[in-house]
Protein backbone atom coordinates (compact mmCIF):
# COMPACT_ATOMS: atom_id res chain seq x y z
CA MET A 1 0.00 0.00 0.00
CA THR A 2 2.87 2.39 0.76
CA ASP A 3 4.27 2.12 -2.77
CA ILE A 4 0.94 3.10 -4.33
CA SER A 5 0.54 5.98 -1.91
CA THR A 6 4.08 7.25 -2.53
CA ARG A 7 3.65 6.87 -6.28
CA ASN A 8 0.39 8.83 -6.20
CA LYS A 9 1.97 11.54 -4.08
CA LEU A 10 4.82 11.85 -6.58
CA LYS A 11 2.34 12.01 -9.46
CA LEU A 12 0.51 14.82 -7.67
CA LEU A 13 3.77 16.67 -7.01
CA SER A 14 4.69 16.33 -10.68
CA LYS A 15 1.29 17.65 -11.72
CA TRP A 16 1.62 20.65 -9.41
CA LEU A 17 5.11 21.42 -10.62
CA LYS A 18 4.12 21.14 -14.27
CA SER A 19 1.20 23.51 -13.77
CA GLU A 20 3.44 26.23 -12.32
CA GLU A 21 3.27 29.43 -14.34
CA ALA A 22 5.13 32.68 -13.98
CA TYR A 23 2.80 35.43 -12.85
CA ILE A 24 4.18 38.72 -13.97
CA ASP A 25 2.40 41.78 -12.64
CA HIS A 26 3.36 44.65 -14.86
CA TYR A 27 1.75 47.10 -12.45
CA SER A 28 3.71 46.06 -9.37
CA GLY A 29 6.95 47.56 -10.58
CA ASP A 30 8.69 44.28 -11.39
CA GLY A 31 11.57 44.97 -13.70
CA ALA A 32 13.01 42.82 -16.45
CA LEU A 33 15.29 40.94 -14.04
CA GLU A 34 12.47 40.10 -11.63
CA SER A 35 10.28 38.93 -14.51
CA ALA A 36 13.10 36.78 -15.90
CA ILE A 37 13.62 35.20 -12.48
CA LYS A 38 9.90 34.37 -12.18
CA ARG A 39 9.90 32.78 -15.65
CA ALA A 40 13.07 30.80 -14.84
CA GLU A 41 11.54 29.53 -11.59
CA ALA A 42 8.39 28.38 -13.42
CA ASP A 43 10.50 26.70 -16.12
CA THR A 44 12.54 24.91 -13.45
CA CYS A 45 9.37 23.65 -11.74
CA ASN A 46 8.08 22.36 -15.07
CA ARG A 47 11.35 20.57 -15.81
CA ILE A 48 11.42 18.92 -12.39
CA GLY A 49 7.83 17.78 -12.96
CA ASP A 50 8.88 16.25 -16.29
CA PHE A 51 11.80 14.47 -14.61
CA ILE A 52 9.53 13.01 -11.93
CA GLU A 53 7.15 11.73 -14.61
CA GLU A 54 10.04 10.14 -16.49
CA ILE A 55 11.26 8.41 -13.34
CA LEU A 56 7.76 7.13 -12.54
CA ASP A 57 7.53 5.69 -16.06
CA LEU A 58 10.80 3.75 -15.73
CA SER A 59 10.74 0.01 -15.28
CA ASP A 60 12.06 -1.44 -12.03
CA GLU A 61 15.08 -2.76 -13.91
CA ALA A 62 15.89 0.68 -15.32
CA VAL A 63 15.64 2.23 -11.84
CA ILE A 64 18.01 -0.37 -10.40
CA GLU A 65 20.44 0.16 -13.27
CA GLY A 66 20.27 3.92 -12.81
CA LEU A 67 21.15 3.61 -9.13
CA LYS A 68 24.35 1.67 -9.82
């Protein structure tokens, strides 16, 4: 039961990370650097979500091989 629960939690985390978007409020005074940082953070979250999905899709054998 723990494996299913952990797997589902990781799927949820991946989904949350992949749905992250950069919110840029042009009226708050954010400059170009702040906006670039927000976009980079959202891109990083999306990439981590993709990596988690890839790991979840791996076979047990591939996971074991990757840990060697």
